[in-house]
Amino acid sequence: MPKFQAKQAVRIVACADNPKVVGEIGYIVDEAEPGPLTDYRWTVRFGRFFTGPVLCSSDELAPADS
């Protein structure tokens, strides 16, 4: 079972792809476990217009409710 599910809210605790989003809450886009195409990182999207999706590893994410 994947660590995260599609549309699950997550808090960004670190992000090598875009450090400006640390501390923000976004949601998982991926329907399946990330693979080699994304370097095994999850795609996280935000509800704001000017912040595009970012790629974060599992270690850089935490469930939003924790």
Protein backbone atom coordinates (compact mmCIF):
# COMPACT_ATOMS: atom_id res chain seq x y z
CA MET A 1 0.00 0.00 0.00
CA PRO A 2 1.40 3.42 -0.93
CA LYS A 3 2.42 5.80 1.81
CA PHE A 4 0.09 8.46 0.38
CA GLN A 5 -3.14 8.33 -1.61
CA ALA A 6 -4.38 10.53 -4.47
CA LYS A 7 -6.06 13.73 -3.22
CA GLN A 8 -4.65 13.24 0.29
CA ALA A 9 -3.75 16.50 2.02
CA VAL A 10 -0.06 16.70 2.97
CA ARG A 11 2.17 19.22 4.72
CA ILE A 12 5.49 19.98 3.06
CA VAL A 13 8.25 19.64 5.68
CA ALA A 14 11.10 20.07 3.14
CA CYS A 15 11.23 20.31 -0.64
CA ALA A 16 14.34 20.25 -2.79
CA ASP A 17 12.21 21.08 -5.85
CA ASN A 18 10.89 24.40 -4.41
CA PRO A 19 11.98 25.42 -0.88
CA LYS A 20 9.41 28.27 -0.86
CA VAL A 21 6.56 25.78 -0.28
CA VAL A 22 7.92 24.41 3.01
CA GLY A 23 5.19 24.60 5.64
CA GLU A 24 2.39 24.74 3.05
CA ILE A 25 -0.42 22.23 2.71
CA GLY A 26 -1.10 20.71 -0.70
CA TYR A 27 -2.58 17.50 -2.01
CA ILE A 28 -1.16 14.41 -3.72
CA VAL A 29 -1.84 14.19 -7.45
CA ASP A 30 -0.42 10.71 -8.15
CA GLU A 31 -2.86 7.80 -8.48
CA ALA A 32 -0.05 5.26 -8.02
CA GLU A 33 3.33 5.03 -6.30
CA PRO A 34 5.88 7.35 -7.94
CA GLY A 35 8.41 5.68 -10.24
CA PRO A 36 11.65 6.38 -12.07
CA LEU A 37 10.08 9.06 -14.30
CA THR A 38 9.69 11.38 -11.28
CA ASP A 39 12.78 10.01 -9.48
CA TYR A 40 10.40 8.32 -7.01
CA ARG A 41 8.97 11.64 -5.82
CA TRP A 42 5.29 12.49 -5.25
CA THR A 43 3.57 15.24 -7.24
CA VAL A 44 1.97 17.77 -4.88
CA ARG A 45 -0.41 20.48 -6.13
CA PHE A 46 -1.62 23.57 -4.30
CA GLY A 47 -4.92 25.41 -4.52
CA ARG A 48 -3.28 28.70 -5.52
CA PHE A 49 -2.92 29.98 -9.05
CA PHE A 50 0.70 31.13 -8.86
CA THR A 51 2.13 28.02 -7.18
CA GLY A 52 2.64 25.16 -9.60
CA PRO A 53 2.94 21.50 -8.65
CA VAL A 54 6.16 20.34 -7.00
CA LEU A 55 7.89 16.98 -6.70
CA CYS A 56 8.72 15.84 -3.17
CA SER A 57 10.10 12.59 -1.77
CA SER A 58 8.18 10.70 0.90
CA ASP A 59 10.63 11.95 3.54
CA GLU A 60 9.75 15.57 2.68
CA LEU A 61 5.99 15.07 3.26
CA ALA A 62 3.77 14.48 6.27
CA PRO A 63 0.01 13.94 6.49
CA ALA A 64 -1.68 17.34 6.93
CA ASP A 65 -3.55 16.20 10.03
CA SER A 66 -0.35 15.54 12.00
